[in-house]
Amino acid sequence: RLGKGLRSSPRDALLAESVPASHRGITYGL
């Protein structure tokens, strides 16, 4: 879970930065 903690927020932030706001729902859903 330490490993999960270190990777989760950076991964979620990277996803948010990779798509426009109008595609956030489908991006996180995928």
PDB file of all heavy atoms in Angstrom:
ATOM      1  N   ARG A   1       0.818  -1.214   0.000  1.00  0.00           N
ATOM      2  CA  ARG A   1       0.000   0.000   0.000  1.00  0.00           C
ATOM      3  C   ARG A   1       0.855   1.269   0.000  1.00  0.00           C
ATOM      4  O   ARG A   1       0.401   2.317  -0.476  1.00  0.00           O
ATOM      5  CB  ARG A   1      -0.932   0.010   1.211  1.00  0.00           C
ATOM      6  CG  ARG A   1      -1.965  -1.107   1.235  1.00  0.00           C
ATOM      7  CD  ARG A   1      -2.947  -0.983   0.062  1.00  0.00           C
ATOM      8  NE  ARG A   1      -2.537  -1.735  -1.127  1.00  0.00           N
ATOM      9  CZ  ARG A   1      -3.237  -1.812  -2.234  1.00  0.00           C
ATOM     10  NH1 ARG A   1      -4.397  -1.171  -2.325  1.00  0.00           N
ATOM     11  NH2 ARG A   1      -2.793  -2.502  -3.256  1.00  0.00           N
ATOM     12  N   LEU A   2       2.079   1.189   0.507  1.00  0.00           N
ATOM     13  CA  LEU A   2       3.007   2.314   0.386  1.00  0.00           C
ATOM     14  C   LEU A   2       3.260   2.591  -1.093  1.00  0.00           C
ATOM     15  O   LEU A   2       3.255   3.749  -1.538  1.00  0.00           O
ATOM     16  CB  LEU A   2       4.316   2.002   1.109  1.00  0.00           C
ATOM     17  CG  LEU A   2       5.464   3.023   0.930  1.00  0.00           C
ATOM     18  CD1 LEU A   2       5.052   4.398   1.443  1.00  0.00           C
ATOM     19  CD2 LEU A   2       6.723   2.535   1.635  1.00  0.00           C
ATOM     20  N   GLY A   3       3.483   1.523  -1.857  1.00  0.00           N
ATOM     21  CA  GLY A   3       3.683   1.678  -3.291  1.00  0.00           C
ATOM     22  C   GLY A   3       2.459   2.280  -3.965  1.00  0.00           C
ATOM     23  O   GLY A   3       2.580   3.153  -4.828  1.00  0.00           O
ATOM     24  N   LYS A   4       1.275   1.844  -3.556  1.00  0.00           N
ATOM     25  CA  LYS A   4       0.048   2.405  -4.124  1.00  0.00           C
ATOM     26  C   LYS A   4      -0.074   3.883  -3.790  1.00  0.00           C
ATOM     27  O   LYS A   4      -0.479   4.700  -4.620  1.00  0.00           O
ATOM     28  CB  LYS A   4      -1.166   1.650  -3.586  1.00  0.00           C
ATOM     29  CG  LYS A   4      -2.499   2.115  -4.179  1.00  0.00           C
ATOM     30  CD  LYS A   4      -3.650   1.279  -3.673  1.00  0.00           C
ATOM     31  CE  LYS A   4      -4.988   1.760  -4.226  1.00  0.00           C
ATOM     32  NZ  LYS A   4      -5.078   1.637  -5.677  1.00  0.00           N
ATOM     33  N   GLY A   5       0.294   4.243  -2.552  1.00  0.00           N
ATOM     34  CA  GLY A   5       0.229   5.639  -2.146  1.00  0.00           C
ATOM     35  C   GLY A   5       1.159   6.530  -2.954  1.00  0.00           C
ATOM     36  O   GLY A   5       0.797   7.655  -3.318  1.00  0.00           O
ATOM     37  N   LEU A   6       2.336   6.039  -3.258  1.00  0.00           N
ATOM     38  CA  LEU A   6       3.313   6.842  -3.987  1.00  0.00           C
ATOM     39  C   LEU A   6       2.949   7.022  -5.459  1.00  0.00           C
ATOM     40  O   LEU A   6       3.339   8.017  -6.081  1.00  0.00           O
ATOM     41  CB  LEU A   6       4.699   6.204  -3.871  1.00  0.00           C
ATOM     42  CG  LEU A   6       5.330   6.234  -2.478  1.00  0.00           C
ATOM     43  CD1 LEU A   6       6.659   5.492  -2.489  1.00  0.00           C
ATOM     44  CD2 LEU A   6       5.536   7.672  -2.004  1.00  0.00           C
ATOM     45  N   ARG A   7       2.193   6.087  -6.024  1.00  0.00           N
ATOM     46  CA  ARG A   7       1.911   6.166  -7.463  1.00  0.00           C
ATOM     47  C   ARG A   7       0.544   6.751  -7.794  1.00  0.00           C
ATOM     48  O   ARG A   7       0.349   7.290  -8.888  1.00  0.00           O
ATOM     49  CB  ARG A   7       2.021   4.779  -8.098  1.00  0.00           C
ATOM     50  CG  ARG A   7       0.908   3.809  -7.709  1.00  0.00           C
ATOM     51  CD  ARG A   7       1.059   2.461  -8.398  1.00  0.00           C
ATOM     52  NE  ARG A   7      -0.039   1.557  -8.087  1.00  0.00           N
ATOM     53  CZ  ARG A   7       0.014   0.573  -7.214  1.00  0.00           C
ATOM     54  NH1 ARG A   7       1.133   0.361  -6.530  1.00  0.00           N
ATOM     55  NH2 ARG A   7      -1.033  -0.211  -7.000  1.00  0.00           N
ATOM     56  N   SER A   8      -0.436   6.673  -6.885  1.00  0.00           N
ATOM     57  CA  SER A   8      -1.823   6.964  -7.244  1.00  0.00           C
ATOM     58  C   SER A   8      -2.074   8.423  -7.610  1.00  0.00           C
ATOM     59  O   SER A   8      -2.629   8.722  -8.678  1.00  0.00           O
ATOM     60  CB  SER A   8      -2.763   6.549  -6.104  1.00  0.00           C
ATOM     61  OG  SER A   8      -2.768   5.156  -5.959  1.00  0.00           O
ATOM     62  N   SER A   9      -1.686   9.365  -6.734  1.00  0.00           N
ATOM     63  CA  SER A   9      -1.945  10.780  -7.032  1.00  0.00           C
ATOM     64  C   SER A   9      -1.167  11.259  -8.258  1.00  0.00           C
ATOM     65  O   SER A   9      -1.732  11.971  -9.099  1.00  0.00           O
ATOM     66  CB  SER A   9      -1.622  11.638  -5.804  1.00  0.00           C
ATOM     67  OG  SER A   9      -2.537  11.352  -4.758  1.00  0.00           O
ATOM     68  N   PRO A  10       0.137  10.898  -8.407  1.00  0.00           N
ATOM     69  CA  PRO A  10       0.839  11.265  -9.638  1.00  0.00           C
ATOM     70  C   PRO A  10       0.170  10.687 -10.890  1.00  0.00           C
ATOM     71  O   PRO A  10       0.079  11.372 -11.910  1.00  0.00           O
ATOM     72  CB  PRO A  10       2.238  10.671  -9.436  1.00  0.00           C
ATOM     73  CG  PRO A  10       2.417  10.660  -7.958  1.00  0.00           C
ATOM     74  CD  PRO A  10       1.065  10.319  -7.408  1.00  0.00           C
ATOM     75  N   ARG A  11      -0.305   9.456 -10.815  1.00  0.00           N
ATOM     76  CA  ARG A  11      -0.989   8.848 -11.963  1.00  0.00           C
ATOM     77  C   ARG A  11      -2.286   9.581 -12.284  1.00  0.00           C
ATOM     78  O   ARG A  11      -2.581   9.875 -13.441  1.00  0.00           O
ATOM     79  CB  ARG A  11      -1.273   7.380 -11.652  1.00  0.00           C
ATOM     80  CG  ARG A  11      -1.955   6.608 -12.767  1.00  0.00           C
ATOM     81  CD  ARG A  11      -2.626   5.377 -12.209  1.00  0.00           C
ATOM     82  NE  ARG A  11      -3.666   5.721 -11.251  1.00  0.00           N
ATOM     83  CZ  ARG A  11      -4.019   4.939 -10.222  1.00  0.00           C
ATOM     84  NH1 ARG A  11      -3.410   3.776 -10.015  1.00  0.00           N
ATOM     85  NH2 ARG A  11      -4.983   5.322  -9.399  1.00  0.00           N
ATOM     86  N   ASP A  12      -3.070   9.897 -11.251  1.00  0.00           N
ATOM     87  CA  ASP A  12      -4.333  10.612 -11.468  1.00  0.00           C
ATOM     88  C   ASP A  12      -4.089  12.007 -12.023  1.00  0.00           C
ATOM     89  O   ASP A  12      -4.842  12.493 -12.879  1.00  0.00           O
ATOM     90  CB  ASP A  12      -5.123  10.699 -10.154  1.00  0.00           C
ATOM     91  CG  ASP A  12      -5.642   9.345  -9.685  1.00  0.00           C
ATOM     92  OD1 ASP A  12      -5.741   8.429 -10.528  1.00  0.00           O
ATOM     93  OD2 ASP A  12      -5.942   9.205  -8.491  1.00  0.00           O
ATOM     94  N   ALA A  13      -3.035  12.674 -11.524  1.00  0.00           N
ATOM     95  CA  ALA A  13      -2.702  14.009 -12.037  1.00  0.00           C
ATOM     96  C   ALA A  13      -2.250  13.931 -13.493  1.00  0.00           C
ATOM     97  O   ALA A  13      -2.605  14.793 -14.311  1.00  0.00           O
ATOM     98  CB  ALA A  13      -1.609  14.636 -11.174  1.00  0.00           C
ATOM     99  N   LEU A  14      -1.490  12.900 -13.837  1.00  0.00           N
ATOM    100  CA  LEU A  14      -1.032  12.727 -15.214  1.00  0.00           C
ATOM    101  C   LEU A  14      -2.221  12.507 -16.154  1.00  0.00           C
ATOM    102  O   LEU A  14      -2.257  13.046 -17.274  1.00  0.00           O
ATOM    103  CB  LEU A  14      -0.059  11.551 -15.298  1.00  0.00           C
ATOM    104  CG  LEU A  14       0.530  11.223 -16.675  1.00  0.00           C
ATOM    105  CD1 LEU A  14       1.232  12.438 -17.277  1.00  0.00           C
ATOM    106  CD2 LEU A  14       1.498  10.040 -16.571  1.00  0.00           C
ATOM    107  N   LEU A  15      -3.211  11.735 -15.714  1.00  0.00           N
ATOM    108  CA  LEU A  15      -4.414  11.537 -16.519  1.00  0.00           C
ATOM    109  C   LEU A  15      -5.158  12.856 -16.725  1.00  0.00           C
ATOM    110  O   LEU A  15      -5.613  13.157 -17.833  1.00  0.00           O
ATOM    111  CB  LEU A  15      -5.338  10.519 -15.841  1.00  0.00           C
ATOM    112  CG  LEU A  15      -4.924   9.050 -15.928  1.00  0.00           C
ATOM    113  CD1 LEU A  15      -5.816   8.192 -15.023  1.00  0.00           C
ATOM    114  CD2 LEU A  15      -5.003   8.538 -17.365  1.00  0.00           C
ATOM    115  N   ALA A  16      -5.268  13.657 -15.657  1.00  0.00           N
ATOM    116  CA  ALA A  16      -5.974  14.940 -15.756  1.00  0.00           C
ATOM    117  C   ALA A  16      -5.276  15.880 -16.723  1.00  0.00           C
ATOM    118  O   ALA A  16      -5.928  16.635 -17.463  1.00  0.00           O
ATOM    119  CB  ALA A  16      -6.078  15.585 -14.372  1.00  0.00           C
ATOM    120  N   GLU A  17      -3.946  15.846 -16.751  1.00  0.00           N
ATOM    121  CA  GLU A  17      -3.184  16.734 -17.622  1.00  0.00           C
ATOM    122  C   GLU A  17      -3.170  16.260 -19.067  1.00  0.00           C
ATOM    123  O   GLU A  17      -2.810  17.015 -19.971  1.00  0.00           O
ATOM    124  CB  GLU A  17      -1.740  16.842 -17.115  1.00  0.00           C
ATOM    125  CG  GLU A  17      -1.618  17.547 -15.770  1.00  0.00           C
ATOM    126  CD  GLU A  17      -0.186  17.550 -15.260  1.00  0.00           C
ATOM    127  OE1 GLU A  17       0.667  16.877 -15.884  1.00  0.00           O
ATOM    128  OE2 GLU A  17       0.083  18.220 -14.259  1.00  0.00           O
ATOM    129  N   SER A  18      -3.560  15.022 -19.300  1.00  0.00           N
ATOM    130  CA  SER A  18      -3.455  14.434 -20.635  1.00  0.00           C
ATOM    131  C   SER A  18      -4.687  14.656 -21.499  1.00  0.00           C
ATOM    132  O   SER A  18      -4.652  14.403 -22.703  1.00  0.00           O
ATOM    133  CB  SER A  18      -3.180  12.925 -20.527  1.00  0.00           C
ATOM    134  OG  SER A  18      -1.970  12.679 -19.822  1.00  0.00           O
ATOM    135  N   VAL A  19      -5.803  15.114 -20.897  1.00  0.00           N
ATOM    136  CA  VAL A  19      -7.047  15.269 -21.648  1.00  0.00           C
ATOM    137  C   VAL A  19      -7.715  16.596 -21.307  1.00  0.00           C
ATOM    138  O   VAL A  19      -7.458  17.174 -20.246  1.00  0.00           O
ATOM    139  CB  VAL A  19      -8.035  14.118 -21.323  1.00  0.00           C
ATOM    140  CG1 VAL A  19      -7.464  12.780 -21.762  1.00  0.00           C
ATOM    141  CG2 VAL A  19      -8.379  14.093 -19.843  1.00  0.00           C
ATOM    142  N   PRO A  20      -8.597  17.100 -22.180  1.00  0.00           N
ATOM    143  CA  PRO A  20      -9.363  18.310 -21.848  1.00  0.00           C
ATOM    144  C   PRO A  20     -10.411  18.012 -20.786  1.00  0.00           C
ATOM    145  O   PRO A  20     -10.775  16.853 -20.550  1.00  0.00           O
ATOM    146  CB  PRO A  20     -10.007  18.692 -23.187  1.00  0.00           C
ATOM    147  CG  PRO A  20     -10.064  17.422 -23.960  1.00  0.00           C
ATOM    148  CD  PRO A  20      -8.849  16.634 -23.555  1.00  0.00           C
ATOM    149  N   ALA A  21     -10.929  19.065 -20.147  1.00  0.00           N
ATOM    150  CA  ALA A  21     -11.902  18.899 -19.064  1.00  0.00           C
ATOM    151  C   ALA A  21     -13.149  18.145 -19.514  1.00  0.00           C
ATOM    152  O   ALA A  21     -13.752  17.399 -18.741  1.00  0.00           O
ATOM    153  CB  ALA A  21     -12.289  20.270 -18.504  1.00  0.00           C
ATOM    154  N   SER A  22     -13.543  18.307 -20.782  1.00  0.00           N
ATOM    155  CA  SER A  22     -14.752  17.663 -21.279  1.00  0.00           C
ATOM    156  C   SER A  22     -14.627  16.152 -21.421  1.00  0.00           C
ATOM    157  O   SER A  22     -15.625  15.457 -21.634  1.00  0.00           O
ATOM    158  CB  SER A  22     -15.137  18.254 -22.638  1.00  0.00           C
ATOM    159  OG  SER A  22     -14.087  18.060 -23.585  1.00  0.00           O
ATOM    160  N   HIS A  23     -13.402  15.624 -21.303  1.00  0.00           N
ATOM    161  CA  HIS A  23     -13.176  14.179 -21.437  1.00  0.00           C
ATOM    162  C   HIS A  23     -12.707  13.544 -20.138  1.00  0.00           C
ATOM    163  O   HIS A  23     -12.255  12.391 -20.145  1.00  0.00           O
ATOM    164  CB  HIS A  23     -12.134  13.911 -22.534  1.00  0.00           C
ATOM    165  CG  HIS A  23     -12.614  14.220 -23.914  1.00  0.00           C
ATOM    166  ND1 HIS A  23     -11.771  14.308 -24.992  1.00  0.00           N
ATOM    167  CD2 HIS A  23     -13.860  14.464 -24.390  1.00  0.00           C
ATOM    168  CE1 HIS A  23     -12.476  14.601 -26.079  1.00  0.00           C
ATOM    169  NE2 HIS A  23     -13.751  14.702 -25.729  1.00  0.00           N
ATOM    170  N   ARG A  24     -12.823  14.247 -19.027  1.00  0.00           N
ATOM    171  CA  ARG A  24     -12.320  13.693 -17.768  1.00  0.00           C
ATOM    172  C   ARG A  24     -13.119  12.479 -17.303  1.00  0.00           C
ATOM    173  O   ARG A  24     -12.551  11.490 -16.834  1.00  0.00           O
ATOM    174  CB  ARG A  24     -12.341  14.777 -16.693  1.00  0.00           C
ATOM    175  CG  ARG A  24     -11.222  15.792 -16.832  1.00  0.00           C
ATOM    176  CD  ARG A  24     -11.407  16.947 -15.881  1.00  0.00           C
ATOM    177  NE  ARG A  24     -10.318  17.917 -16.006  1.00  0.00           N
ATOM    178  CZ  ARG A  24     -10.388  19.173 -15.572  1.00  0.00           C
ATOM    179  NH1 ARG A  24     -11.509  19.604 -14.977  1.00  0.00           N
ATOM    180  NH2 ARG A  24      -9.374  19.989 -15.721  1.00  0.00           N
ATOM    181  N   GLY A  25     -14.430  12.559 -17.407  1.00  0.00           N
ATOM    182  CA  GLY A  25     -15.253  11.445 -16.953  1.00  0.00           C
ATOM    183  C   GLY A  25     -14.933  10.159 -17.689  1.00  0.00           C
ATOM    184  O   GLY A  25     -14.691   9.117 -17.076  1.00  0.00           O
ATOM    185  N   ILE A  26     -14.898  10.223 -19.017  1.00  0.00           N
ATOM    186  CA  ILE A  26     -14.635   9.018 -19.803  1.00  0.00           C
ATOM    187  C   ILE A  26     -13.194   8.540 -19.613  1.00  0.00           C
ATOM    188  O   ILE A  26     -12.912   7.335 -19.641  1.00  0.00           O
ATOM    189  CB  ILE A  26     -14.943   9.261 -21.304  1.00  0.00           C
ATOM    190  CG1 ILE A  26     -15.020   7.930 -22.048  1.00  0.00           C
ATOM    191  CG2 ILE A  26     -13.927  10.203 -21.952  1.00  0.00           C
ATOM    192  CD1 ILE A  26     -15.541   8.050 -23.455  1.00  0.00           C
ATOM    193  N   THR A  27     -12.260   9.477 -19.376  1.00  0.00           N
ATOM    194  CA  THR A  27     -10.861   9.094 -19.153  1.00  0.00           C
ATOM    195  C   THR A  27     -10.703   8.302 -17.866  1.00  0.00           C
ATOM    196  O   THR A  27     -10.106   7.215 -17.852  1.00  0.00           O
ATOM    197  CB  THR A  27      -9.962  10.344 -19.105  1.00  0.00           C
ATOM    198  OG1 THR A  27      -9.973  10.967 -20.397  1.00  0.00           O
ATOM    199  CG2 THR A  27      -8.533   9.983 -18.743  1.00  0.00           C
ATOM    200  N   TYR A  28     -11.248   8.836 -16.773  1.00  0.00           N
ATOM    201  CA  TYR A  28     -11.135   8.111 -15.500  1.00  0.00           C
ATOM    202  C   TYR A  28     -11.991   6.849 -15.517  1.00  0.00           C
ATOM    203  O   TYR A  28     -11.633   5.839 -14.883  1.00  0.00           O
ATOM    204  CB  TYR A  28     -11.529   9.024 -14.336  1.00  0.00           C
ATOM    205  CG  TYR A  28     -10.479  10.068 -14.040  1.00  0.00           C
ATOM    206  CD1 TYR A  28     -10.686  11.404 -14.356  1.00  0.00           C
ATOM    207  CD2 TYR A  28      -9.271   9.721 -13.462  1.00  0.00           C
ATOM    208  CE1 TYR A  28      -9.720  12.370 -14.114  1.00  0.00           C
ATOM    209  CE2 TYR A  28      -8.296  10.665 -13.198  1.00  0.00           C
ATOM    210  CZ  TYR A  28      -8.520  11.989 -13.528  1.00  0.00           C
ATOM    211  OH  TYR A  28      -7.551  12.929 -13.286  1.00  0.00           O
ATOM    212  N   GLY A  29     -13.108   6.887 -16.230  1.00  0.00           N
ATOM    213  CA  GLY A  29     -13.916   5.683 -16.353  1.00  0.00           C
ATOM    214  C   GLY A  29     -13.193   4.583 -17.100  1.00  0.00           C
ATOM    215  O   GLY A  29     -13.233   3.414 -16.712  1.00  0.00           O
ATOM    216  N   LEU A  30     -12.503   4.949 -18.212  1.00  0.00           N
ATOM    217  CA  LEU A  30     -11.727   3.964 -18.968  1.00  0.00           C
ATOM    218  C   LEU A  30     -10.618   3.378 -18.102  1.00  0.00           C
ATOM    219  O   LEU A  30     -10.397   2.153 -18.103  1.00  0.00           O
ATOM    220  CB  LEU A  30     -11.117   4.616 -20.211  1.00  0.00           C
ATOM    221  CG  LEU A  30     -10.145   3.744 -21.006  1.00  0.00           C
ATOM    222  CD1 LEU A  30     -10.867   2.554 -21.626  1.00  0.00           C
ATOM    223  CD2 LEU A  30      -9.442   4.565 -22.091  1.00  0.00           C
TER     224      LEU A  30
END
